[in-house]
Amino acid sequence: MALESKGSSGDRMSLTFEPNRMNLGDILTPRQIVPELKAKNRWEAIDELISCLVDAGKVLPENREAITQVVKKRETSMSTGIGFGIGIPHASTELITEVVAAFGRSKSGVQFDSLDNQPVHLVTLFLVPAGQFQKHLHTLAGIAKVLRSEAFLKALEAAPDEAAMMKIIRDFSAGSR
């Protein structure tokens, strides 16, 4: 899998959201990480990651379809495949009360209609409670920033499982405290 972050300094990048000082390591658990996505396209990846959130108890099963529709509607307006092998599908909804996320890796790549027309290898799906626009923007910017760190990408690529991936995410997010 070729995960490159062109132009990145490779430095540790923090993932900080104000005012809560939350970071990606705070909103993920190993149960919210899929070490090898089965998805072949962005729609399947969204379904798989929302299922992961349901299985982890972060999204109520009865809200799965409504949340899936909100995320896919957002994705239809413009792909969240930002290039460099990264996709960040996201939405706000009144069906959750706190920021939640799921993280997936695909060694073979997911077709995401990305800005650079390349497959996506890392997908972070996140949901923010409705009405929290600033938190939504800070979350999106922070996730994009940490995912552009070359050292972070290489470490995730080599991680054997979700526990190792979680440790890497926490280690790289720790600088934000």
N, C-alpha and C. Protein backbone atom coordinates (compact mmCIF):
# COMPACT_ATOMS: atom_id res chain seq x y z
N MET A 1 0.85 -1.16 0.00
CA MET A 1 0.00 0.00 0.00
C MET A 1 0.89 1.22 0.00
N ALA A 2 0.63 2.15 -0.89
CA ALA A 2 1.43 3.35 -0.98
C ALA A 2 0.69 4.49 -0.29
N LEU A 3 1.16 4.81 0.90
CA LEU A 3 0.57 5.93 1.64
C LEU A 3 1.61 7.03 1.70
N GLU A 4 1.42 8.05 0.91
CA GLU A 4 2.36 9.14 0.87
C GLU A 4 1.70 10.42 1.31
N SER A 5 2.48 11.26 1.92
CA SER A 5 2.01 12.58 2.30
C SER A 5 2.99 13.57 1.69
N LYS A 6 2.82 13.87 0.44
CA LYS A 6 3.75 14.74 -0.27
C LYS A 6 3.77 16.12 0.37
N GLY A 7 4.96 16.62 0.56
CA GLY A 7 5.12 17.95 1.13
C GLY A 7 5.03 17.96 2.65
N SER A 8 4.81 16.82 3.26
CA SER A 8 4.72 16.75 4.70
C SER A 8 6.13 16.75 5.29
N SER A 9 6.26 17.40 6.44
CA SER A 9 7.57 17.42 7.09
C SER A 9 7.84 16.13 7.83
N GLY A 10 6.79 15.32 8.01
CA GLY A 10 6.97 14.07 8.75
C GLY A 10 6.97 14.28 10.25
N ASP A 11 6.83 15.53 10.70
CA ASP A 11 6.81 15.82 12.12
C ASP A 11 5.56 15.27 12.77
N ARG A 12 5.64 15.08 14.07
CA ARG A 12 4.45 14.72 14.83
C ARG A 12 3.46 15.86 14.74
N MET A 13 2.24 15.52 14.46
CA MET A 13 1.21 16.55 14.36
C MET A 13 0.13 16.24 15.38
N SER A 14 -0.26 17.24 16.14
CA SER A 14 -1.29 17.02 17.14
C SER A 14 -2.66 17.18 16.52
N LEU A 15 -3.63 16.66 17.21
CA LEU A 15 -5.02 16.71 16.76
C LEU A 15 -5.80 17.35 17.90
N THR A 16 -5.90 18.64 17.90
CA THR A 16 -6.50 19.36 19.00
C THR A 16 -7.78 20.03 18.58
N PHE A 17 -8.81 19.90 19.41
CA PHE A 17 -10.06 20.60 19.19
C PHE A 17 -10.27 21.51 20.39
N GLU A 18 -10.60 22.74 20.16
CA GLU A 18 -10.93 23.64 21.25
C GLU A 18 -12.43 23.70 21.38
N PRO A 19 -12.98 23.92 22.55
CA PRO A 19 -12.28 24.15 23.80
C PRO A 19 -12.02 22.87 24.60
N ASN A 20 -12.49 21.74 24.17
CA ASN A 20 -12.43 20.53 24.98
C ASN A 20 -11.07 19.83 24.98
N ARG A 21 -10.15 20.24 24.14
CA ARG A 21 -8.83 19.62 24.03
C ARG A 21 -8.96 18.13 23.72
N MET A 22 -9.94 17.78 22.89
CA MET A 22 -10.18 16.40 22.48
C MET A 22 -9.26 16.08 21.29
N ASN A 23 -8.84 14.83 21.18
CA ASN A 23 -8.06 14.44 20.01
C ASN A 23 -8.54 13.09 19.50
N LEU A 24 -8.03 12.66 18.36
CA LEU A 24 -8.48 11.42 17.75
C LEU A 24 -8.31 10.23 18.69
N GLY A 25 -7.24 10.24 19.46
CA GLY A 25 -7.02 9.18 20.45
C GLY A 25 -8.09 9.15 21.53
N ASP A 26 -8.72 10.29 21.78
CA ASP A 26 -9.79 10.36 22.78
C ASP A 26 -11.12 9.82 22.27
N ILE A 27 -11.36 9.88 20.96
CA ILE A 27 -12.67 9.50 20.44
C ILE A 27 -12.68 8.13 19.77
N LEU A 28 -11.53 7.48 19.71
CA LEU A 28 -11.46 6.12 19.16
C LEU A 28 -11.13 5.11 20.25
N THR A 29 -11.61 3.90 20.06
CA THR A 29 -11.21 2.75 20.87
C THR A 29 -10.83 1.66 19.86
N PRO A 30 -10.16 0.61 20.29
CA PRO A 30 -9.85 -0.47 19.34
C PRO A 30 -11.09 -1.04 18.65
N ARG A 31 -12.24 -1.00 19.33
CA ARG A 31 -13.49 -1.51 18.72
C ARG A 31 -13.99 -0.62 17.59
N GLN A 32 -13.46 0.59 17.49
CA GLN A 32 -13.86 1.53 16.45
C GLN A 32 -12.85 1.59 15.31
N ILE A 33 -11.98 0.61 15.26
CA ILE A 33 -10.95 0.53 14.22
C ILE A 33 -11.15 -0.75 13.42
N VAL A 34 -11.14 -0.60 12.10
CA VAL A 34 -11.22 -1.76 11.19
C VAL A 34 -9.85 -1.87 10.51
N PRO A 35 -9.03 -2.86 10.89
CA PRO A 35 -7.67 -2.94 10.34
C PRO A 35 -7.60 -3.28 8.86
N GLU A 36 -8.64 -3.91 8.32
CA GLU A 36 -8.68 -4.17 6.88
C GLU A 36 -10.12 -4.08 6.39
N LEU A 37 -10.43 -2.94 5.80
CA LEU A 37 -11.78 -2.73 5.26
C LEU A 37 -12.05 -3.74 4.14
N LYS A 38 -13.27 -4.23 4.09
CA LYS A 38 -13.70 -5.09 2.99
C LYS A 38 -14.22 -4.24 1.82
N ALA A 39 -14.56 -3.00 2.10
CA ALA A 39 -15.17 -2.09 1.13
C ALA A 39 -14.30 -1.91 -0.11
N LYS A 40 -14.97 -1.81 -1.25
CA LYS A 40 -14.30 -1.53 -2.52
C LYS A 40 -14.56 -0.11 -2.99
N ASN A 41 -15.61 0.54 -2.43
CA ASN A 41 -15.92 1.92 -2.82
C ASN A 41 -16.33 2.72 -1.58
N ARG A 42 -16.47 4.03 -1.75
CA ARG A 42 -16.73 4.90 -0.60
C ARG A 42 -18.06 4.59 0.07
N TRP A 43 -19.07 4.17 -0.70
CA TRP A 43 -20.38 3.88 -0.11
C TRP A 43 -20.30 2.66 0.80
N GLU A 44 -19.58 1.64 0.36
CA GLU A 44 -19.38 0.45 1.19
C GLU A 44 -18.54 0.78 2.42
N ALA A 45 -17.54 1.64 2.27
CA ALA A 45 -16.71 2.04 3.41
C ALA A 45 -17.54 2.76 4.46
N ILE A 46 -18.42 3.66 4.02
CA ILE A 46 -19.29 4.36 4.96
C ILE A 46 -20.18 3.36 5.69
N ASP A 47 -20.79 2.43 4.96
CA ASP A 47 -21.63 1.41 5.59
C ASP A 47 -20.84 0.59 6.62
N GLU A 48 -19.63 0.18 6.23
CA GLU A 48 -18.81 -0.65 7.10
C GLU A 48 -18.41 0.09 8.37
N LEU A 49 -18.05 1.35 8.24
CA LEU A 49 -17.62 2.12 9.42
C LEU A 49 -18.80 2.49 10.32
N ILE A 50 -19.95 2.75 9.75
CA ILE A 50 -21.13 3.01 10.59
C ILE A 50 -21.52 1.72 11.32
N SER A 51 -21.42 0.58 10.65
CA SER A 51 -21.67 -0.70 11.33
C SER A 51 -20.69 -0.90 12.48
N CYS A 52 -19.47 -0.49 12.29
CA CYS A 52 -18.46 -0.56 13.34
C CYS A 52 -18.90 0.29 14.54
N LEU A 53 -19.43 1.49 14.28
CA LEU A 53 -19.90 2.37 15.37
C LEU A 53 -21.10 1.75 16.09
N VAL A 54 -21.98 1.11 15.34
CA VAL A 54 -23.13 0.42 15.97
C VAL A 54 -22.62 -0.72 16.85
N ASP A 55 -21.72 -1.54 16.31
CA ASP A 55 -21.17 -2.67 17.06
C ASP A 55 -20.43 -2.22 18.32
N ALA A 56 -19.81 -1.05 18.26
CA ALA A 56 -19.06 -0.51 19.41
C ALA A 56 -19.98 0.20 20.40
N GLY A 57 -21.27 0.30 20.08
CA GLY A 57 -22.21 0.96 20.98
C GLY A 57 -22.19 2.47 20.91
N LYS A 58 -21.59 3.03 19.88
CA LYS A 58 -21.51 4.49 19.74
C LYS A 58 -22.68 5.07 18.97
N VAL A 59 -23.36 4.23 18.17
CA VAL A 59 -24.55 4.62 17.43
C VAL A 59 -25.61 3.56 17.74
N LEU A 60 -26.81 4.02 18.07
CA LEU A 60 -27.90 3.08 18.34
C LEU A 60 -28.30 2.36 17.06
N PRO A 61 -28.57 1.06 17.14
CA PRO A 61 -28.94 0.31 15.93
C PRO A 61 -30.12 0.92 15.18
N GLU A 62 -31.08 1.45 15.90
CA GLU A 62 -32.25 2.05 15.25
C GLU A 62 -31.92 3.36 14.52
N ASN A 63 -30.75 3.93 14.78
CA ASN A 63 -30.33 5.17 14.11
C ASN A 63 -29.37 4.92 12.95
N ARG A 64 -29.00 3.66 12.74
CA ARG A 64 -28.02 3.33 11.70
C ARG A 64 -28.42 3.89 10.33
N GLU A 65 -29.63 3.62 9.89
CA GLU A 65 -30.05 4.01 8.54
C GLU A 65 -30.10 5.53 8.39
N ALA A 66 -30.64 6.22 9.38
CA ALA A 66 -30.74 7.69 9.31
C ALA A 66 -29.35 8.32 9.27
N ILE A 67 -28.44 7.81 10.09
CA ILE A 67 -27.08 8.35 10.12
C ILE A 67 -26.37 8.03 8.80
N THR A 68 -26.55 6.83 8.29
CA THR A 68 -25.96 6.46 7.00
C THR A 68 -26.43 7.41 5.91
N GLN A 69 -27.72 7.71 5.89
CA GLN A 69 -28.26 8.62 4.88
C GLN A 69 -27.66 10.02 4.99
N VAL A 70 -27.47 10.52 6.22
CA VAL A 70 -26.90 11.86 6.41
C VAL A 70 -25.46 11.90 5.90
N VAL A 71 -24.68 10.86 6.23
CA VAL A 71 -23.27 10.83 5.80
C VAL A 71 -23.19 10.70 4.28
N LYS A 72 -24.02 9.84 3.69
CA LYS A 72 -23.98 9.66 2.24
C LYS A 72 -24.49 10.90 1.51
N LYS A 73 -25.44 11.60 2.08
CA LYS A 73 -25.91 12.85 1.47
C LYS A 73 -24.77 13.87 1.44
N ARG A 74 -24.03 13.97 2.54
CA ARG A 74 -22.88 14.88 2.60
C ARG A 74 -21.83 14.45 1.57
N GLU A 75 -21.58 13.18 1.48
CA GLU A 75 -20.57 12.65 0.56
C GLU A 75 -20.98 12.87 -0.89
N THR A 76 -22.27 12.82 -1.19
CA THR A 76 -22.77 13.05 -2.54
C THR A 76 -22.52 14.49 -2.98
N SER A 77 -22.59 15.43 -2.04
CA SER A 77 -22.39 16.84 -2.40
C SER A 77 -20.95 17.11 -2.83
N MET A 78 -20.00 16.38 -2.24
CA MET A 78 -18.59 16.50 -2.62
C MET A 78 -17.82 15.39 -1.91
N SER A 79 -17.01 14.67 -2.65
CA SER A 79 -16.25 13.58 -2.06
C SER A 79 -15.34 14.09 -0.95
N THR A 80 -15.25 13.30 0.11
CA THR A 80 -14.34 13.64 1.20
C THR A 80 -13.01 12.91 1.05
N GLY A 81 -12.77 12.36 -0.14
CA GLY A 81 -11.46 11.81 -0.47
C GLY A 81 -10.55 13.00 -0.75
N ILE A 82 -9.70 13.35 0.23
CA ILE A 82 -8.94 14.60 0.15
C ILE A 82 -7.61 14.45 -0.57
N GLY A 83 -7.33 13.24 -1.05
CA GLY A 83 -6.04 12.99 -1.69
C GLY A 83 -5.09 12.33 -0.71
N PHE A 84 -3.93 11.95 -1.20
CA PHE A 84 -2.89 11.33 -0.38
C PHE A 84 -3.33 10.00 0.23
N GLY A 85 -4.37 9.35 -0.35
CA GLY A 85 -4.84 8.07 0.17
C GLY A 85 -5.76 8.19 1.38
N ILE A 86 -6.35 9.37 1.57
CA ILE A 86 -7.12 9.65 2.78
C ILE A 86 -8.56 10.03 2.43
N GLY A 87 -9.51 9.47 3.18
CA GLY A 87 -10.92 9.83 3.07
C GLY A 87 -11.46 10.17 4.45
N ILE A 88 -12.27 11.22 4.53
CA ILE A 88 -12.80 11.66 5.82
C ILE A 88 -14.29 11.94 5.71
N PRO A 89 -15.11 10.90 5.50
CA PRO A 89 -16.55 11.14 5.47
C PRO A 89 -17.03 11.61 6.83
N HIS A 90 -17.94 12.57 6.83
CA HIS A 90 -18.38 13.16 8.09
C HIS A 90 -19.75 13.81 7.92
N ALA A 91 -20.39 14.05 9.05
CA ALA A 91 -21.69 14.73 9.05
C ALA A 91 -22.02 15.15 10.47
N SER A 92 -23.01 16.04 10.58
CA SER A 92 -23.55 16.37 11.89
C SER A 92 -24.97 15.84 11.95
N THR A 93 -25.37 15.43 13.14
CA THR A 93 -26.69 14.84 13.32
C THR A 93 -27.15 15.03 14.76
N GLU A 94 -28.45 15.15 14.94
CA GLU A 94 -29.00 15.24 16.29
C GLU A 94 -29.16 13.85 16.92
N LEU A 95 -28.78 12.80 16.22
CA LEU A 95 -28.93 11.44 16.72
C LEU A 95 -27.77 10.98 17.60
N ILE A 96 -26.78 11.85 17.81
CA ILE A 96 -25.68 11.56 18.74
C ILE A 96 -25.52 12.76 19.67
N THR A 97 -24.87 12.53 20.81
CA THR A 97 -24.69 13.61 21.78
C THR A 97 -23.23 13.99 21.98
N GLU A 98 -22.32 13.23 21.38
CA GLU A 98 -20.90 13.54 21.47
C GLU A 98 -20.22 13.18 20.15
N VAL A 99 -19.04 13.72 19.92
CA VAL A 99 -18.29 13.38 18.70
C VAL A 99 -17.93 11.90 18.75
N VAL A 100 -18.20 11.19 17.66
CA VAL A 100 -17.83 9.79 17.55
C VAL A 100 -17.11 9.57 16.22
N ALA A 101 -16.25 8.57 16.19
CA ALA A 101 -15.49 8.30 14.97
C ALA A 101 -15.22 6.81 14.84
N ALA A 102 -14.98 6.39 13.61
CA ALA A 102 -14.50 5.05 13.30
C ALA A 102 -13.38 5.21 12.28
N PHE A 103 -12.42 4.31 12.35
CA PHE A 103 -11.22 4.42 11.51
C PHE A 103 -11.02 3.10 10.79
N GLY A 104 -10.79 3.15 9.49
CA GLY A 104 -10.56 1.95 8.72
C GLY A 104 -9.35 2.06 7.81
N ARG A 105 -8.69 0.93 7.60
CA ARG A 105 -7.52 0.86 6.72
C ARG A 105 -7.81 -0.15 5.63
N SER A 106 -7.38 0.17 4.41
CA SER A 106 -7.51 -0.75 3.28
C SER A 106 -6.17 -0.82 2.56
N LYS A 107 -5.52 -1.94 2.65
CA LYS A 107 -4.22 -2.09 1.97
C LYS A 107 -4.39 -2.07 0.46
N SER A 108 -5.50 -2.61 -0.04
CA SER A 108 -5.72 -2.62 -1.49
C SER A 108 -6.29 -1.31 -2.01
N GLY A 109 -6.92 -0.54 -1.14
CA GLY A 109 -7.46 0.75 -1.54
C GLY A 109 -8.95 0.71 -1.83
N VAL A 110 -9.60 1.82 -1.55
CA VAL A 110 -11.03 1.99 -1.76
C VAL A 110 -11.21 3.10 -2.79
N GLN A 111 -12.05 2.85 -3.79
CA GLN A 111 -12.36 3.90 -4.77
C GLN A 111 -13.24 4.94 -4.08
N PHE A 112 -12.76 6.18 -4.03
CA PHE A 112 -13.42 7.20 -3.22
C PHE A 112 -13.74 8.46 -4.00
N ASP A 113 -13.50 8.46 -5.30
CA ASP A 113 -13.69 9.67 -6.10
C ASP A 113 -12.88 10.82 -5.50
N SER A 114 -11.64 10.50 -5.13
CA SER A 114 -10.76 11.46 -4.44
C SER A 114 -10.31 12.59 -5.34
N LEU A 115 -9.88 13.66 -4.71
CA LEU A 115 -9.40 14.83 -5.45
C LEU A 115 -8.25 14.48 -6.38
N ASP A 116 -7.39 13.53 -5.98
CA ASP A 116 -6.25 13.15 -6.81
C ASP A 116 -6.53 11.89 -7.64
N ASN A 117 -7.79 11.42 -7.65
CA ASN A 117 -8.21 10.23 -8.40
C ASN A 117 -7.48 8.96 -8.00
N GLN A 118 -6.90 8.93 -6.81
CA GLN A 118 -6.19 7.75 -6.31
C GLN A 118 -7.04 7.03 -5.28
N PRO A 119 -6.84 5.73 -5.11
CA PRO A 119 -7.58 4.99 -4.08
C PRO A 119 -7.26 5.52 -2.68
N VAL A 120 -8.20 5.34 -1.78
CA VAL A 120 -8.04 5.74 -0.38
C VAL A 120 -7.62 4.51 0.42
N HIS A 121 -6.64 4.68 1.29
CA HIS A 121 -6.16 3.60 2.13
C HIS A 121 -6.54 3.77 3.58
N LEU A 122 -6.80 5.00 4.00
CA LEU A 122 -7.20 5.29 5.38
C LEU A 122 -8.48 6.11 5.35
N VAL A 123 -9.49 5.64 6.10
CA VAL A 123 -10.77 6.32 6.15
C VAL A 123 -11.12 6.61 7.60
N THR A 124 -11.35 7.86 7.91
CA THR A 124 -11.84 8.26 9.23
C THR A 124 -13.23 8.83 9.05
N LEU A 125 -14.22 8.13 9.55
CA LEU A 125 -15.60 8.61 9.52
C LEU A 125 -15.88 9.23 10.88
N PHE A 126 -16.39 10.46 10.88
CA PHE A 126 -16.75 11.05 12.17
C PHE A 126 -18.10 11.74 12.10
N LEU A 127 -18.74 11.77 13.25
CA LEU A 127 -20.05 12.39 13.42
C LEU A 127 -19.96 13.38 14.56
N VAL A 128 -20.59 14.53 14.36
CA VAL A 128 -20.61 15.58 15.37
C VAL A 128 -22.07 15.90 15.67
N PRO A 129 -22.40 16.15 16.96
CA PRO A 129 -23.78 16.53 17.27
C PRO A 129 -24.21 17.77 16.49
N ALA A 130 -25.47 17.77 16.04
CA ALA A 130 -26.01 18.92 15.29
C ALA A 130 -25.86 20.19 16.11
N GLY A 131 -25.62 21.29 15.42
CA GLY A 131 -25.51 22.59 16.08
C GLY A 131 -24.13 22.89 16.63
N GLN A 132 -23.18 21.99 16.45
CA GLN A 132 -21.82 22.22 16.96
C GLN A 132 -20.86 22.43 15.79
N PHE A 133 -21.14 23.50 15.04
CA PHE A 133 -20.41 23.78 13.81
C PHE A 133 -18.91 23.96 14.06
N GLN A 134 -18.54 24.72 15.09
CA GLN A 134 -17.12 24.93 15.36
C GLN A 134 -16.41 23.62 15.69
N LYS A 135 -17.05 22.76 16.49
CA LYS A 135 -16.45 21.48 16.82
C LYS A 135 -16.29 20.64 15.55
N HIS A 136 -17.28 20.72 14.67
CA HIS A 136 -17.24 19.99 13.40
C HIS A 136 -16.01 20.44 12.58
N LEU A 137 -15.83 21.74 12.46
CA LEU A 137 -14.68 22.26 11.70
C LEU A 137 -13.35 21.90 12.34
N HIS A 138 -13.25 22.04 13.67
CA HIS A 138 -12.00 21.72 14.35
C HIS A 138 -11.69 20.23 14.25
N THR A 139 -12.72 19.39 14.33
CA THR A 139 -12.51 17.95 14.21
C THR A 139 -12.00 17.60 12.82
N LEU A 140 -12.66 18.13 11.80
CA LEU A 140 -12.26 17.86 10.42
C LEU A 140 -10.84 18.33 10.15
N ALA A 141 -10.52 19.54 10.56
CA ALA A 141 -9.17 20.08 10.34
C ALA A 141 -8.12 19.27 11.09
N GLY A 142 -8.41 18.90 12.31
CA GLY A 142 -7.45 18.14 13.10
C GLY A 142 -7.19 16.76 12.54
N ILE A 143 -8.24 16.07 12.11
CA ILE A 143 -8.07 14.74 11.52
C ILE A 143 -7.26 14.84 10.23
N ALA A 144 -7.58 15.80 9.39
CA ALA A 144 -6.84 15.98 8.14
C ALA A 144 -5.37 16.26 8.42
N LYS A 145 -5.10 17.05 9.43
CA LYS A 145 -3.72 17.41 9.75
C LYS A 145 -2.90 16.20 10.21
N VAL A 146 -3.42 15.41 11.14
CA VAL A 146 -2.65 14.27 11.64
C VAL A 146 -2.49 13.21 10.55
N LEU A 147 -3.49 13.07 9.68
CA LEU A 147 -3.40 12.07 8.61
C LEU A 147 -2.41 12.47 7.52
N ARG A 148 -1.91 13.69 7.56
CA ARG A 148 -0.92 14.12 6.57
C ARG A 148 0.51 13.94 7.07
N SER A 149 0.67 13.41 8.28
CA SER A 149 2.00 13.17 8.83
C SER A 149 2.58 11.89 8.23
N GLU A 150 3.70 12.00 7.55
CA GLU A 150 4.32 10.85 6.90
C GLU A 150 4.68 9.76 7.90
N ALA A 151 5.21 10.14 9.05
CA ALA A 151 5.59 9.15 10.07
C ALA A 151 4.35 8.42 10.59
N PHE A 152 3.26 9.14 10.78
CA PHE A 152 2.00 8.54 11.24
C PHE A 152 1.48 7.54 10.21
N LEU A 153 1.48 7.93 8.94
CA LEU A 153 0.98 7.05 7.88
C LEU A 153 1.81 5.77 7.77
N LYS A 154 3.12 5.92 7.84
CA LYS A 154 3.99 4.74 7.74
C LYS A 154 3.78 3.80 8.92
N ALA A 155 3.63 4.36 10.10
CA ALA A 155 3.40 3.54 11.29
C ALA A 155 2.07 2.79 11.17
N LEU A 156 1.02 3.47 10.71
CA LEU A 156 -0.28 2.82 10.55
C LEU A 156 -0.23 1.72 9.49
N GLU A 157 0.50 1.97 8.43
CA GLU A 157 0.63 0.99 7.35
C GLU A 157 1.24 -0.30 7.88
N ALA A 158 2.20 -0.20 8.79
CA ALA A 158 2.91 -1.37 9.31
C ALA A 158 2.20 -2.04 10.49
N ALA A 159 1.21 -1.39 11.08
CA ALA A 159 0.55 -1.93 12.26
C ALA A 159 -0.17 -3.24 11.95
N PRO A 160 0.01 -4.28 12.78
CA PRO A 160 -0.57 -5.58 12.47
C PRO A 160 -2.06 -5.71 12.80
N ASP A 161 -2.58 -4.90 13.73
CA ASP A 161 -3.96 -5.06 14.15
C ASP A 161 -4.50 -3.77 14.77
N GLU A 162 -5.78 -3.83 15.18
CA GLU A 162 -6.42 -2.63 15.71
C GLU A 162 -5.79 -2.14 17.01
N ALA A 163 -5.27 -3.04 17.84
CA ALA A 163 -4.63 -2.61 19.08
C ALA A 163 -3.36 -1.81 18.77
N ALA A 164 -2.57 -2.29 17.83
CA ALA A 164 -1.36 -1.56 17.44
C ALA A 164 -1.72 -0.23 16.78
N MET A 165 -2.77 -0.24 15.95
CA MET A 165 -3.20 1.01 15.31
C MET A 165 -3.66 2.01 16.36
N MET A 166 -4.39 1.54 17.38
CA MET A 166 -4.86 2.42 18.44
C MET A 166 -3.69 3.04 19.19
N LYS A 167 -2.67 2.25 19.47
CA LYS A 167 -1.49 2.78 20.17
C LYS A 167 -0.82 3.88 19.34
N ILE A 168 -0.70 3.66 18.05
CA ILE A 168 -0.09 4.66 17.16
C ILE A 168 -0.93 5.94 17.17
N ILE A 169 -2.23 5.79 17.05
CA ILE A 169 -3.12 6.97 17.05
C ILE A 169 -2.98 7.72 18.37
N ARG A 170 -2.96 7.00 19.49
CA ARG A 170 -2.81 7.67 20.80
C ARG A 170 -1.45 8.34 20.92
N ASP A 171 -0.39 7.66 20.47
CA ASP A 171 0.95 8.23 20.56
C ASP A 171 1.06 9.53 19.75
N PHE A 172 0.51 9.54 18.55
CA PHE A 172 0.59 10.73 17.71
C PHE A 172 -0.35 11.82 18.18
N SER A 173 -1.42 11.44 18.87
CA SER A 173 -2.37 12.43 19.36
C SER A 173 -1.94 13.00 20.71
N ALA A 174 -1.03 12.33 21.40
CA ALA A 174 -0.64 12.72 22.77
C ALA A 174 -0.04 14.13 22.83
N GLY A 175 0.56 14.58 21.76
CA GLY A 175 1.17 15.90 21.77
C GLY A 175 0.17 17.03 21.90
N SER A 176 -1.11 16.73 21.79
CA SER A 176 -2.12 17.79 21.83
C SER A 176 -2.57 18.11 23.24
N ARG A 177 -2.06 17.42 24.21
CA ARG A 177 -2.50 17.66 25.59
C ARG A 177 -1.73 18.75 26.26
